[in-house]
Amino acid sequence: MKANKLTAAITAVGGYVPPDVLSNKDLESIIETSDAWITSRTGIQERRILKQGASSDMGVAVLKELCEKSGTSMLDIDLVIVGTITPDYIFPSNANVICDKAGAKNAWGFDLGAACSGFLYALSVGSQFIETGKYKKVAVIGMDKMSSIVDYQDRNTCVIFGDGAAGVLLEPNAEGFGVQDFDLYSDGKGRELLYQPAGGSLMPPSEDTVKNRLHYLKQDGKTVFKHAVTNMGDATIKLMQKHNLSAETLDWFVPHQANMRIIDAVADYANFPKEKIMINIARYGNTTAATLPLCFWDYENQLKKGDKVVLAAFGGGFTWGAVYLTWAY
């Protein structure tokens, strides 16, 4: 650990999943699929759906929990960074909306669009504002209301995604706990393998784009699968080698919860034992930017001060990377 310099430590974890559950059995009545087919191919048994409200509402719940758990006044939050691809509006940002709804009147913020890597990117950016000494309290939130862009006539994608939000509060730490390092990557050549074709300046909304269902997520599943396993695995191994970490010395590996087969393949690729991997995909599905912090939210009671943790994600764009941190409480 790097002592005698400020590091960005996680001091609280917050999360929110909507109360409404969409099970595999429910999907059987919507599209041609089966519980067995979905479970065997994805590891997902159910996902949460936000039936009322916008993605910012989930973010507000997360920010409030972060403040409650850490004993922080909402007025002391300096910065809110939101990883999302499903904001309430194209503009203003969800960070703006969340700060207003939650009463974080002294904070500024912005959204970061990196799809499933959104939280990873945002965590890396947020840590810089702490390390420089510029800010004392930075909230980093990953959230997505994927049900707003999922085509429930496309059985290959609609079974995968769910809605949810989670995040962390970053504060300065002088003991060396917190974010230690990160390696982030992107490759725009993969943009049309996992994307939402219409709605942007390239293809503005029109009668044709709506009729042709171009405002929904599209994915080339097999190609994305291969890239996800290789790139997440390589980024994880590279970062671990850089810090002389091994599967034995690492306490937790937190992979993006995209598909249980991807998690298993990355675990095999990096030689991780199952008991050291955070997994909750069966209950939530792929919540995109929310999956990594939702793992922290679920596993918070199992984390111990000093635990060495590596997070990895892969998302549309393509975007991917890994973060190494040590737990601070």
C-alpha atoms as a PDB file:
ATOM      1  CA  MET A   1       0.000   0.000   0.000  1.00  0.00           C
ATOM      2  CA  LYS A   2       1.085   3.551  -0.684  1.00  0.00           C
ATOM      3  CA  ALA A   3       1.245   5.180   2.750  1.00  0.00           C
ATOM      4  CA  ASN A   4       1.722   8.898   3.476  1.00  0.00           C
ATOM      5  CA  LYS A   5      -0.357   9.993   0.509  1.00  0.00           C
ATOM      6  CA  LEU A   6      -4.060  10.422   0.172  1.00  0.00           C
ATOM      7  CA  THR A   7      -5.968   7.519  -1.315  1.00  0.00           C
ATOM      8  CA  ALA A   8      -9.663   7.365  -2.164  1.00  0.00           C
ATOM      9  CA  ALA A   9     -11.275   4.924   0.243  1.00  0.00           C
ATOM     10  CA  ILE A  10     -14.796   3.541   0.105  1.00  0.00           C
ATOM     11  CA  THR A  11     -16.468   4.559   3.377  1.00  0.00           C
ATOM     12  CA  ALA A  12     -20.061   3.518   2.608  1.00  0.00           C
ATOM     13  CA  VAL A  13     -22.042   1.393   0.152  1.00  0.00           C
ATOM     14  CA  GLY A  14     -25.629   1.979  -0.916  1.00  0.00           C
ATOM     15  CA  GLY A  15     -27.976   0.142  -3.232  1.00  0.00           C
ATOM     16  CA  TYR A  16     -31.503   0.017  -4.568  1.00  0.00           C
ATOM     17  CA  VAL A  17     -33.431  -2.578  -6.536  1.00  0.00           C
ATOM     18  CA  PRO A  18     -37.092  -2.051  -7.498  1.00  0.00           C
ATOM     19  CA  PRO A  19     -39.700  -4.162  -5.672  1.00  0.00           C
ATOM     20  CA  ASP A  20     -41.228  -5.644  -8.834  1.00  0.00           C
ATOM     21  CA  VAL A  21     -39.710  -8.986  -9.842  1.00  0.00           C
ATOM     22  CA  LEU A  22     -39.728 -10.352 -13.404  1.00  0.00           C
ATOM     23  CA  SER A  23     -38.998 -14.066 -13.093  1.00  0.00           C
ATOM     24  CA  ASN A  24     -38.086 -16.529 -15.804  1.00  0.00           C
ATOM     25  CA  LYS A  25     -41.569 -17.996 -15.410  1.00  0.00           C
ATOM     26  CA  ASP A  26     -43.033 -14.548 -16.094  1.00  0.00           C
ATOM     27  CA  LEU A  27     -40.974 -14.285 -19.281  1.00  0.00           C
ATOM     28  CA  GLU A  28     -42.371 -17.617 -20.477  1.00  0.00           C
ATOM     29  CA  SER A  29     -45.737 -15.879 -20.870  1.00  0.00           C
ATOM     30  CA  ILE A  30     -44.220 -12.949 -22.823  1.00  0.00           C
ATOM     31  CA  ILE A  31     -41.879 -14.647 -25.304  1.00  0.00           C
ATOM     32  CA  GLU A  32     -40.978 -18.118 -26.540  1.00  0.00           C
ATOM     33  CA  THR A  33     -38.511 -19.222 -23.890  1.00  0.00           C
ATOM     34  CA  SER A  34     -38.291 -21.357 -20.758  1.00  0.00           C
ATOM     35  CA  ASP A  35     -36.945 -21.091 -17.240  1.00  0.00           C
ATOM     36  CA  ALA A  36     -34.540 -23.978 -17.957  1.00  0.00           C
ATOM     37  CA  TRP A  37     -33.259 -22.336 -21.164  1.00  0.00           C
ATOM     38  CA  ILE A  38     -32.616 -18.983 -19.484  1.00  0.00           C
ATOM     39  CA  THR A  39     -31.016 -20.466 -16.370  1.00  0.00           C
ATOM     40  CA  SER A  40     -28.709 -22.810 -18.287  1.00  0.00           C
ATOM     41  CA  ARG A  41     -27.488 -20.097 -20.660  1.00  0.00           C
ATOM     42  CA  THR A  42     -27.288 -17.080 -18.339  1.00  0.00           C
ATOM     43  CA  GLY A  43     -27.522 -18.204 -14.708  1.00  0.00           C
ATOM     44  CA  ILE A  44     -30.327 -15.655 -14.224  1.00  0.00           C
ATOM     45  CA  GLN A  45     -33.504 -16.667 -12.381  1.00  0.00           C
ATOM     46  CA  GLU A  46     -35.143 -13.257 -11.954  1.00  0.00           C
ATOM     47  CA  ARG A  47     -34.546  -9.570 -12.456  1.00  0.00           C
ATOM     48  CA  ARG A  48     -36.064  -6.363 -10.996  1.00  0.00           C
ATOM     49  CA  ILE A  49     -38.134  -3.943 -13.085  1.00  0.00           C
ATOM     50  CA  LEU A  50     -38.745  -0.282 -12.238  1.00  0.00           C
ATOM     51  CA  LYS A  51     -42.399   0.063 -13.231  1.00  0.00           C
ATOM     52  CA  GLN A  52     -42.883   3.587 -11.904  1.00  0.00           C
ATOM     53  CA  GLY A  53     -40.349   6.406 -11.920  1.00  0.00           C
ATOM     54  CA  ALA A  54     -37.076   7.095 -13.681  1.00  0.00           C
ATOM     55  CA  SER A  55     -33.522   5.892 -13.223  1.00  0.00           C
ATOM     56  CA  SER A  56     -32.695   9.044 -11.216  1.00  0.00           C
ATOM     57  CA  ASP A  57     -35.152   7.919  -8.517  1.00  0.00           C
ATOM     58  CA  MET A  58     -33.002   4.835  -7.904  1.00  0.00           C
ATOM     59  CA  GLY A  59     -29.923   7.058  -7.729  1.00  0.00           C
ATOM     60  CA  VAL A  60     -31.546   9.299  -5.123  1.00  0.00           C
ATOM     61  CA  ALA A  61     -32.224   6.247  -2.922  1.00  0.00           C
ATOM     62  CA  VAL A  62     -28.561   5.215  -3.233  1.00  0.00           C
ATOM     63  CA  LEU A  63     -27.204   8.679  -2.394  1.00  0.00           C
ATOM     64  CA  LYS A  64     -29.455   8.914   0.666  1.00  0.00           C
ATOM     65  CA  GLU A  65     -28.257   5.521   1.924  1.00  0.00           C
ATOM     66  CA  LEU A  66     -24.623   6.542   1.434  1.00  0.00           C
ATOM     67  CA  CYS A  67     -25.181   9.650   3.554  1.00  0.00           C
ATOM     68  CA  GLU A  68     -27.110   7.764   6.251  1.00  0.00           C
ATOM     69  CA  LYS A  69     -24.535   4.987   6.567  1.00  0.00           C
ATOM     70  CA  SER A  70     -21.563   7.362   6.724  1.00  0.00           C
ATOM     71  CA  GLY A  71     -23.217  10.020   8.873  1.00  0.00           C
ATOM     72  CA  THR A  72     -22.672  12.558   6.097  1.00  0.00           C
ATOM     73  CA  SER A  73     -24.863  15.605   5.571  1.00  0.00           C
ATOM     74  CA  MET A  74     -26.252  15.813   2.040  1.00  0.00           C
ATOM     75  CA  LEU A  75     -24.889  19.375   1.991  1.00  0.00           C
ATOM     76  CA  ASP A  76     -21.340  18.036   2.449  1.00  0.00           C
ATOM     77  CA  ILE A  77     -21.340  15.985  -0.766  1.00  0.00           C
ATOM     78  CA  ASP A  78     -18.860  17.669  -3.134  1.00  0.00           C
ATOM     79  CA  LEU A  79     -19.310  15.683  -6.332  1.00  0.00           C
ATOM     80  CA  VAL A  80     -21.659  13.036  -7.766  1.00  0.00           C
ATOM     81  CA  ILE A  81     -20.477  10.907 -10.697  1.00  0.00           C
ATOM     82  CA  VAL A  82     -23.074   8.686 -12.316  1.00  0.00           C
ATOM     83  CA  GLY A  83     -22.322   5.759 -14.615  1.00  0.00           C
ATOM     84  CA  THR A  84     -25.412   5.185 -16.766  1.00  0.00           C
ATOM     85  CA  ILE A  85     -26.670   4.683 -20.320  1.00  0.00           C
ATOM     86  CA  THR A  86     -30.316   5.189 -19.363  1.00  0.00           C
ATOM     87  CA  PRO A  87     -30.503   8.718 -17.920  1.00  0.00           C
ATOM     88  CA  ASP A  88     -33.851  10.444 -17.503  1.00  0.00           C
ATOM     89  CA  TYR A  89     -33.003  12.799 -20.367  1.00  0.00           C
ATOM     90  CA  ILE A  90     -30.346  13.179 -23.064  1.00  0.00           C
ATOM     91  CA  PHE A  91     -29.648  16.340 -21.085  1.00  0.00           C
ATOM     92  CA  PRO A  92     -29.463  17.476 -18.315  1.00  0.00           C
ATOM     93  CA  SER A  93     -27.392  14.752 -16.689  1.00  0.00           C
ATOM     94  CA  ASN A  94     -28.783  12.344 -14.124  1.00  0.00           C
ATOM     95  CA  ALA A  95     -26.161  13.648 -11.700  1.00  0.00           C
ATOM     96  CA  ASN A  96     -27.839  17.079 -11.882  1.00  0.00           C
ATOM     97  CA  VAL A  97     -31.274  15.579 -11.368  1.00  0.00           C
ATOM     98  CA  ILE A  98     -30.174  13.378  -8.463  1.00  0.00           C
ATOM     99  CA  CYS A  99     -28.444  16.243  -6.646  1.00  0.00           C
ATOM    100  CA  ASP A 100     -31.613  18.339  -6.953  1.00  0.00           C
ATOM    101  CA  LYS A 101     -33.998  15.577  -5.838  1.00  0.00           C
ATOM    102  CA  ALA A 102     -31.768  14.494  -2.935  1.00  0.00           C
ATOM    103  CA  GLY A 103     -30.942  18.014  -1.725  1.00  0.00           C
ATOM    104  CA  ALA A 104     -27.184  17.829  -2.436  1.00  0.00           C
ATOM    105  CA  LYS A 105     -27.228  21.585  -3.047  1.00  0.00           C
ATOM    106  CA  ASN A 106     -23.469  22.107  -2.774  1.00  0.00           C
ATOM    107  CA  ALA A 107     -22.478  19.309  -5.149  1.00  0.00           C
ATOM    108  CA  TRP A 108     -21.863  19.339  -8.864  1.00  0.00           C
ATOM    109  CA  GLY A 109     -21.738  16.247 -11.011  1.00  0.00           C
ATOM    110  CA  PHE A 110     -21.827  14.557 -14.382  1.00  0.00           C
ATOM    111  CA  ASP A 111     -22.811  11.325 -16.107  1.00  0.00           C
ATOM    112  CA  LEU A 112     -20.321   8.922 -17.608  1.00  0.00           C
ATOM    113  CA  GLY A 113     -21.522   6.655 -20.409  1.00  0.00           C
ATOM    114  CA  ALA A 114     -19.457   3.475 -20.638  1.00  0.00           C
ATOM    115  CA  ALA A 115     -22.300   0.926 -20.554  1.00  0.00           C
ATOM    116  CA  CYS A 116     -21.426  -2.036 -18.312  1.00  0.00           C
ATOM    117  CA  SER A 117     -18.033  -0.474 -17.492  1.00  0.00           C
ATOM    118  CA  GLY A 118     -19.738   2.715 -16.268  1.00  0.00           C
ATOM    119  CA  PHE A 119     -19.125   2.192 -12.550  1.00  0.00           C
ATOM    120  CA  LEU A 120     -15.527   1.092 -13.134  1.00  0.00           C
ATOM    121  CA  TYR A 121     -14.790   4.215 -15.181  1.00  0.00           C
ATOM    122  CA  ALA A 122     -16.625   6.474 -12.703  1.00  0.00           C
ATOM    123  CA  LEU A 123     -14.819   4.964  -9.693  1.00  0.00           C
ATOM    124  CA  SER A 124     -11.464   5.592 -11.356  1.00  0.00           C
ATOM    125  CA  VAL A 125     -12.382   9.193 -12.183  1.00  0.00           C
ATOM    126  CA  GLY A 126     -13.852   9.875  -8.739  1.00  0.00           C
ATOM    127  CA  SER A 127     -10.751   8.598  -6.980  1.00  0.00           C
ATOM    128  CA  GLN A 128      -8.636  11.238  -8.735  1.00  0.00           C
ATOM    129  CA  PHE A 129     -10.630  14.096  -7.187  1.00  0.00           C
ATOM    130  CA  ILE A 130      -9.924  12.625  -3.729  1.00  0.00           C
ATOM    131  CA  GLU A 131      -6.226  11.885  -4.329  1.00  0.00           C
ATOM    132  CA  THR A 132      -5.501  15.440  -5.481  1.00  0.00           C
ATOM    133  CA  GLY A 133      -7.039  16.780  -2.275  1.00  0.00           C
ATOM    134  CA  LYS A 134      -9.618  18.754  -4.246  1.00  0.00           C
ATOM    135  CA  TYR A 135     -12.649  17.083  -2.621  1.00  0.00           C
ATOM    136  CA  LYS A 136     -13.462  15.235   0.607  1.00  0.00           C
ATOM    137  CA  LYS A 137     -16.703  13.444  -0.289  1.00  0.00           C
ATOM    138  CA  VAL A 138     -17.357  12.024  -3.762  1.00  0.00           C
ATOM    139  CA  ALA A 139     -20.352   9.799  -4.489  1.00  0.00           C
ATOM    140  CA  VAL A 140     -19.928   7.325  -7.345  1.00  0.00           C
ATOM    141  CA  ILE A 141     -23.153   5.678  -8.506  1.00  0.00           C
ATOM    142  CA  GLY A 142     -23.842   3.068 -11.169  1.00  0.00           C
ATOM    143  CA  MET A 143     -27.451   2.782 -12.294  1.00  0.00           C
ATOM    144  CA  ASP A 144     -29.551   1.680 -15.209  1.00  0.00           C
ATOM    145  CA  LYS A 145     -33.212   1.237 -16.016  1.00  0.00           C
ATOM    146  CA  MET A 146     -32.504  -1.299 -18.740  1.00  0.00           C
ATOM    147  CA  SER A 147     -36.199  -2.156 -19.077  1.00  0.00           C
ATOM    148  CA  SER A 148     -36.574   1.220 -20.831  1.00  0.00           C
ATOM    149  CA  ILE A 149     -34.363   0.127 -23.768  1.00  0.00           C
ATOM    150  CA  VAL A 150     -34.835  -3.663 -23.800  1.00  0.00           C
ATOM    151  CA  ASP A 151     -36.968  -5.194 -26.559  1.00  0.00           C
ATOM    152  CA  TYR A 152     -39.322  -7.695 -24.934  1.00  0.00           C
ATOM    153  CA  GLN A 153     -39.851  -9.296 -28.343  1.00  0.00           C
ATOM    154  CA  ASP A 154     -36.148 -10.227 -28.548  1.00  0.00           C
ATOM    155  CA  ARG A 155     -35.653 -13.324 -26.423  1.00  0.00           C
ATOM    156  CA  ASN A 156     -31.864 -13.203 -26.743  1.00  0.00           C
ATOM    157  CA  THR A 157     -31.560  -9.869 -24.938  1.00  0.00           C
ATOM    158  CA  CYS A 158     -34.684  -9.352 -22.816  1.00  0.00           C
ATOM    159  CA  VAL A 159     -33.897 -12.333 -20.568  1.00  0.00           C
ATOM    160  CA  ILE A 160     -30.535 -10.840 -19.586  1.00  0.00           C
ATOM    161  CA  PHE A 161     -31.189  -7.323 -18.311  1.00  0.00           C
ATOM    162  CA  GLY A 162     -32.759  -5.872 -15.182  1.00  0.00           C
ATOM    163  CA  ASP A 163     -33.028  -2.538 -13.380  1.00  0.00           C
ATOM    164  CA  GLY A 164     -31.046  -1.393 -10.349  1.00  0.00           C
ATOM    165  CA  ALA A 165     -28.638   1.095  -8.820  1.00  0.00           C
ATOM    166  CA  ALA A 166     -25.828   1.091  -6.301  1.00  0.00           C
ATOM    167  CA  GLY A 167     -22.849   3.206  -5.374  1.00  0.00           C
ATOM    168  CA  VAL A 168     -20.089   4.112  -2.971  1.00  0.00           C
ATOM    169  CA  LEU A 169     -18.921   7.144  -1.035  1.00  0.00           C
ATOM    170  CA  LEU A 170     -15.242   7.980  -1.526  1.00  0.00           C
ATOM    171  CA  GLU A 171     -13.313   9.862   1.174  1.00  0.00           C
ATOM    172  CA  PRO A 172      -9.599  10.613   1.744  1.00  0.00           C
ATOM    173  CA  ASN A 173      -7.582   7.972   3.570  1.00  0.00           C
ATOM    174  CA  ALA A 174      -4.039   8.454   4.902  1.00  0.00           C
ATOM    175  CA  GLU A 175      -3.475   4.792   5.875  1.00  0.00           C
ATOM    176  CA  GLY A 176      -3.220   3.604   2.275  1.00  0.00           C
ATOM    177  CA  PHE A 177      -6.625   1.917   2.045  1.00  0.00           C
ATOM    178  CA  GLY A 178      -8.822   2.471  -0.980  1.00  0.00           C
ATOM    179  CA  VAL A 179      -8.286   2.596  -4.733  1.00  0.00           C
ATOM    180  CA  GLN A 180      -4.728   1.464  -5.475  1.00  0.00           C
ATOM    181  CA  ASP A 181      -4.654   1.309  -9.262  1.00  0.00           C
ATOM    182  CA  PHE A 182      -6.733   0.837 -12.399  1.00  0.00           C
ATOM    183  CA  ASP A 183      -6.282  -0.107 -16.038  1.00  0.00           C
ATOM    184  CA  LEU A 184      -9.043   1.010 -18.401  1.00  0.00           C
ATOM    185  CA  TYR A 185      -9.482   0.370 -22.108  1.00  0.00           C
ATOM    186  CA  SER A 186     -11.826   1.075 -25.019  1.00  0.00           C
ATOM    187  CA  ASP A 187     -12.187   0.094 -28.663  1.00  0.00           C
ATOM    188  CA  GLY A 188     -14.776   1.885 -30.780  1.00  0.00           C
ATOM    189  CA  LYS A 189     -14.597  -0.825 -33.437  1.00  0.00           C
ATOM    190  CA  GLY A 190     -16.970  -2.834 -31.291  1.00  0.00           C
ATOM    191  CA  ARG A 191     -19.629  -0.144 -31.164  1.00  0.00           C
ATOM    192  CA  GLU A 192     -22.157  -1.861 -33.440  1.00  0.00           C
ATOM    193  CA  LEU A 193     -21.866  -5.236 -31.722  1.00  0.00           C
ATOM    194  CA  LEU A 194     -23.607  -3.979 -28.568  1.00  0.00           C
ATOM    195  CA  TYR A 195     -25.476  -0.684 -28.877  1.00  0.00           C
ATOM    196  CA  GLN A 196     -28.727   1.245 -29.232  1.00  0.00           C
ATOM    197  CA  PRO A 197     -28.904   2.248 -32.917  1.00  0.00           C
ATOM    198  CA  ALA A 198     -31.362   5.161 -32.835  1.00  0.00           C
ATOM    199  CA  GLY A 199     -31.964   8.193 -30.658  1.00  0.00           C
ATOM    200  CA  GLY A 200     -28.654   9.987 -31.080  1.00  0.00           C
ATOM    201  CA  SER A 201     -27.477  12.513 -33.667  1.00  0.00           C
ATOM    202  CA  LEU A 202     -26.536   9.767 -36.150  1.00  0.00           C
ATOM    203  CA  MET A 203     -30.099   8.481 -36.296  1.00  0.00           C
ATOM    204  CA  PRO A 204     -32.513  10.922 -34.622  1.00  0.00           C
ATOM    205  CA  PRO A 205     -35.939   9.664 -33.562  1.00  0.00           C
ATOM    206  CA  SER A 206     -38.446   9.325 -36.403  1.00  0.00           C
ATOM    207  CA  GLU A 207     -41.518   7.336 -37.279  1.00  0.00           C
ATOM    208  CA  ASP A 208     -39.289   4.820 -39.075  1.00  0.00           C
ATOM    209  CA  THR A 209     -36.850   4.346 -36.185  1.00  0.00           C
ATOM    210  CA  VAL A 210     -39.723   3.643 -33.814  1.00  0.00           C
ATOM    211  CA  LYS A 211     -41.497   1.325 -36.269  1.00  0.00           C
ATOM    212  CA  ASN A 212     -38.268  -0.619 -36.887  1.00  0.00           C
ATOM    213  CA  ARG A 213     -37.590  -0.977 -33.131  1.00  0.00           C
ATOM    214  CA  LEU A 214     -34.240   0.800 -33.399  1.00  0.00           C
ATOM    215  CA  HIS A 215     -34.489   2.457 -29.995  1.00  0.00           C
ATOM    216  CA  TYR A 216     -33.873  -0.876 -28.293  1.00  0.00           C
ATOM    217  CA  LEU A 217     -30.575  -2.470 -27.336  1.00  0.00           C
ATOM    218  CA  LYS A 218     -29.045  -4.706 -30.026  1.00  0.00           C
ATOM    219  CA  GLN A 219     -26.344  -7.295 -29.339  1.00  0.00           C
ATOM    220  CA  ASP A 220     -24.239  -9.812 -31.244  1.00  0.00           C
ATOM    221  CA  GLY A 221     -24.154 -12.191 -28.289  1.00  0.00           C
ATOM    222  CA  LYS A 222     -21.526 -14.718 -29.394  1.00  0.00           C
ATOM    223  CA  THR A 223     -18.975 -12.094 -30.436  1.00  0.00           C
ATOM    224  CA  VAL A 224     -19.543 -10.021 -27.298  1.00  0.00           C
ATOM    225  CA  PHE A 225     -19.125 -13.145 -25.158  1.00  0.00           C
ATOM    226  CA  LYS A 226     -15.669 -13.883 -26.616  1.00  0.00           C
ATOM    227  CA  HIS A 227     -14.473 -10.285 -26.251  1.00  0.00           C
ATOM    228  CA  ALA A 228     -15.819 -10.064 -22.690  1.00  0.00           C
ATOM    229  CA  VAL A 229     -14.006 -13.168 -21.469  1.00  0.00           C
ATOM    230  CA  THR A 230     -10.667 -12.342 -23.108  1.00  0.00           C
ATOM    231  CA  ASN A 231     -10.591  -8.638 -22.311  1.00  0.00           C
ATOM    232  CA  MET A 232     -11.843  -8.887 -18.717  1.00  0.00           C
ATOM    233  CA  GLY A 233      -9.460 -11.765 -18.087  1.00  0.00           C
ATOM    234  CA  ASP A 234      -6.447 -10.000 -19.609  1.00  0.00           C
ATOM    235  CA  ALA A 235      -7.131  -6.710 -17.773  1.00  0.00           C
ATOM    236  CA  THR A 236      -7.505  -8.556 -14.469  1.00  0.00           C
ATOM    237  CA  ILE A 237      -4.328 -10.629 -14.869  1.00  0.00           C
ATOM    238  CA  LYS A 238      -2.280  -7.629 -16.008  1.00  0.00           C
ATOM    239  CA  LEU A 239      -3.323  -5.526 -13.007  1.00  0.00           C
ATOM    240  CA  MET A 240      -2.716  -8.378 -10.571  1.00  0.00           C
ATOM    241  CA  GLN A 241       0.751  -9.083 -11.973  1.00  0.00           C
ATOM    242  CA  LYS A 242       1.585  -5.385 -11.677  1.00  0.00           C
ATOM    243  CA  HIS A 243       0.886  -5.558  -7.928  1.00  0.00           C
ATOM    244  CA  ASN A 244       2.244  -9.067  -7.300  1.00  0.00           C
ATOM    245  CA  LEU A 245      -1.220 -10.410  -6.532  1.00  0.00           C
ATOM    246  CA  SER A 246      -2.285 -14.005  -7.031  1.00  0.00           C
ATOM    247  CA  ALA A 247      -5.487 -15.980  -6.670  1.00  0.00           C
ATOM    248  CA  GLU A 248      -4.189 -16.971  -3.216  1.00  0.00           C
ATOM    249  CA  THR A 249      -3.369 -13.454  -1.957  1.00  0.00           C
ATOM    250  CA  LEU A 250      -6.437 -11.749  -3.433  1.00  0.00           C
ATOM    251  CA  ASP A 251      -9.458 -11.744  -1.094  1.00  0.00           C
ATOM    252  CA  TRP A 252     -12.231 -10.933  -3.584  1.00  0.00           C
ATOM    253  CA  PHE A 253     -12.782 -10.812  -7.314  1.00  0.00           C
ATOM    254  CA  VAL A 254     -15.825  -8.788  -8.426  1.00  0.00           C
ATOM    255  CA  PRO A 255     -16.697  -9.456 -12.080  1.00  0.00           C
ATOM    256  CA  HIS A 256     -19.396  -7.639 -14.037  1.00  0.00           C
ATOM    257  CA  GLN A 257     -22.578  -9.708 -13.732  1.00  0.00           C
ATOM    258  CA  ALA A 258     -23.403 -10.096 -17.419  1.00  0.00           C
ATOM    259  CA  ASN A 259     -23.861 -13.835 -17.776  1.00  0.00           C
ATOM    260  CA  MET A 260     -22.913 -16.692 -15.447  1.00  0.00           C
ATOM    261  CA  ARG A 261     -21.040 -18.421 -18.277  1.00  0.00           C
ATOM    262  CA  ILE A 262     -18.906 -15.295 -18.749  1.00  0.00           C
ATOM    263  CA  ILE A 263     -18.207 -15.131 -14.998  1.00  0.00           C
ATOM    264  CA  ASP A 264     -17.207 -18.818 -14.977  1.00  0.00           C
ATOM    265  CA  ALA A 265     -15.011 -18.407 -18.057  1.00  0.00           C
ATOM    266  CA  VAL A 266     -13.216 -15.345 -16.643  1.00  0.00           C
ATOM    267  CA  ALA A 267     -12.726 -17.163 -13.318  1.00  0.00           C
ATOM    268  CA  ASP A 268     -11.144 -20.098 -15.154  1.00  0.00           C
ATOM    269  CA  TYR A 269      -9.075 -17.725 -17.302  1.00  0.00           C
ATOM    270  CA  ALA A 270      -7.659 -15.984 -14.213  1.00  0.00           C
ATOM    271  CA  ASN A 271      -7.656 -19.137 -12.054  1.00  0.00           C
ATOM    272  CA  PHE A 272      -9.946 -17.764  -9.315  1.00  0.00           C
ATOM    273  CA  PRO A 273     -11.575 -20.120  -6.791  1.00  0.00           C
ATOM    274  CA  LYS A 274     -15.389 -19.765  -6.708  1.00  0.00           C
ATOM    275  CA  GLU A 275     -15.491 -18.864  -2.997  1.00  0.00           C
ATOM    276  CA  LYS A 276     -13.574 -15.634  -3.668  1.00  0.00           C
ATOM    277  CA  ILE A 277     -15.924 -14.388  -6.408  1.00  0.00           C
ATOM    278  CA  MET A 278     -18.856 -12.085  -5.684  1.00  0.00           C
ATOM    279  CA  ILE A 279     -21.917 -13.350  -7.569  1.00  0.00           C
ATOM    280  CA  ASN A 280     -25.537 -12.158  -7.429  1.00  0.00           C
ATOM    281  CA  ILE A 281     -26.581 -12.427 -11.091  1.00  0.00           C
ATOM    282  CA  ALA A 282     -29.295 -15.018 -10.353  1.00  0.00           C
ATOM    283  CA  ARG A 283     -31.369 -12.422  -8.475  1.00  0.00           C
ATOM    284  CA  TYR A 284     -30.784  -9.248 -10.470  1.00  0.00           C
ATOM    285  CA  GLY A 285     -29.631 -10.191 -13.966  1.00  0.00           C
ATOM    286  CA  ASN A 286     -27.405  -7.718 -15.790  1.00  0.00           C
ATOM    287  CA  THR A 287     -28.088  -4.253 -14.356  1.00  0.00           C
ATOM    288  CA  THR A 288     -25.312  -2.809 -16.551  1.00  0.00           C
ATOM    289  CA  ALA A 289     -23.513   0.003 -14.638  1.00  0.00           C
ATOM    290  CA  ALA A 290     -25.027  -1.159 -11.329  1.00  0.00           C
ATOM    291  CA  THR A 291     -23.704  -4.726 -11.172  1.00  0.00           C
ATOM    292  CA  LEU A 292     -20.344  -4.086  -9.475  1.00  0.00           C
ATOM    293  CA  PRO A 293     -21.578  -1.825  -6.666  1.00  0.00           C
ATOM    294  CA  LEU A 294     -24.620  -4.093  -6.176  1.00  0.00           C
ATOM    295  CA  CYS A 295     -22.119  -6.864  -5.411  1.00  0.00           C
ATOM    296  CA  PHE A 296     -20.528  -4.630  -2.763  1.00  0.00           C
ATOM    297  CA  TRP A 297     -24.006  -3.896  -1.377  1.00  0.00           C
ATOM    298  CA  ASP A 298     -24.831  -7.605  -1.106  1.00  0.00           C
ATOM    299  CA  TYR A 299     -21.435  -8.688   0.242  1.00  0.00           C
ATOM    300  CA  GLU A 300     -20.731  -5.704   2.514  1.00  0.00           C
ATOM    301  CA  ASN A 301     -21.006  -7.762   5.723  1.00  0.00           C
ATOM    302  CA  GLN A 302     -18.421 -10.238   4.423  1.00  0.00           C
ATOM    303  CA  LEU A 303     -15.819  -7.595   3.593  1.00  0.00           C
ATOM    304  CA  LYS A 304     -13.075  -6.906   6.128  1.00  0.00           C
ATOM    305  CA  LYS A 305     -10.724  -3.959   6.550  1.00  0.00           C
ATOM    306  CA  GLY A 306      -7.611  -4.547   4.447  1.00  0.00           C
ATOM    307  CA  ASP A 307      -9.239  -7.023   2.049  1.00  0.00           C
ATOM    308  CA  LYS A 308      -7.631  -6.924  -1.400  1.00  0.00           C
ATOM    309  CA  VAL A 309     -10.307  -6.594  -4.074  1.00  0.00           C
ATOM    310  CA  VAL A 310     -10.139  -6.561  -7.895  1.00  0.00           C
ATOM    311  CA  LEU A 311     -13.129  -5.465  -9.986  1.00  0.00           C
ATOM    312  CA  ALA A 312     -13.448  -6.100 -13.722  1.00  0.00           C
ATOM    313  CA  ALA A 313     -16.039  -5.198 -16.338  1.00  0.00           C
ATOM    314  CA  PHE A 314     -16.711  -5.246 -20.052  1.00  0.00           C
ATOM    315  CA  GLY A 315     -19.352  -3.204 -21.850  1.00  0.00           C
ATOM    316  CA  GLY A 316     -20.663  -1.866 -25.129  1.00  0.00           C
ATOM    317  CA  GLY A 317     -18.446   0.469 -27.049  1.00  0.00           C
ATOM    318  CA  PHE A 318     -16.343  -1.618 -26.394  1.00  0.00           C
ATOM    319  CA  THR A 319     -15.231  -0.545 -22.921  1.00  0.00           C
ATOM    320  CA  TRP A 320     -13.442  -2.641 -20.321  1.00  0.00           C
ATOM    321  CA  GLY A 321     -10.908  -2.648 -17.532  1.00  0.00           C
ATOM    322  CA  ALA A 322     -10.028  -3.547 -13.951  1.00  0.00           C
ATOM    323  CA  VAL A 323      -9.626  -1.726 -10.641  1.00  0.00           C
ATOM    324  CA  TYR A 324      -7.574  -2.838  -7.623  1.00  0.00           C
ATOM    325  CA  LEU A 325      -8.561  -1.525  -4.201  1.00  0.00           C
ATOM    326  CA  THR A 326      -8.203  -2.379  -0.530  1.00  0.00           C
ATOM    327  CA  TRP A 327     -11.246  -2.278   1.713  1.00  0.00           C
ATOM    328  CA  ALA A 328     -11.187   0.483   4.333  1.00  0.00           C
ATOM    329  CA  TYR A 329     -13.676  -0.668   6.984  1.00  0.00           C
END
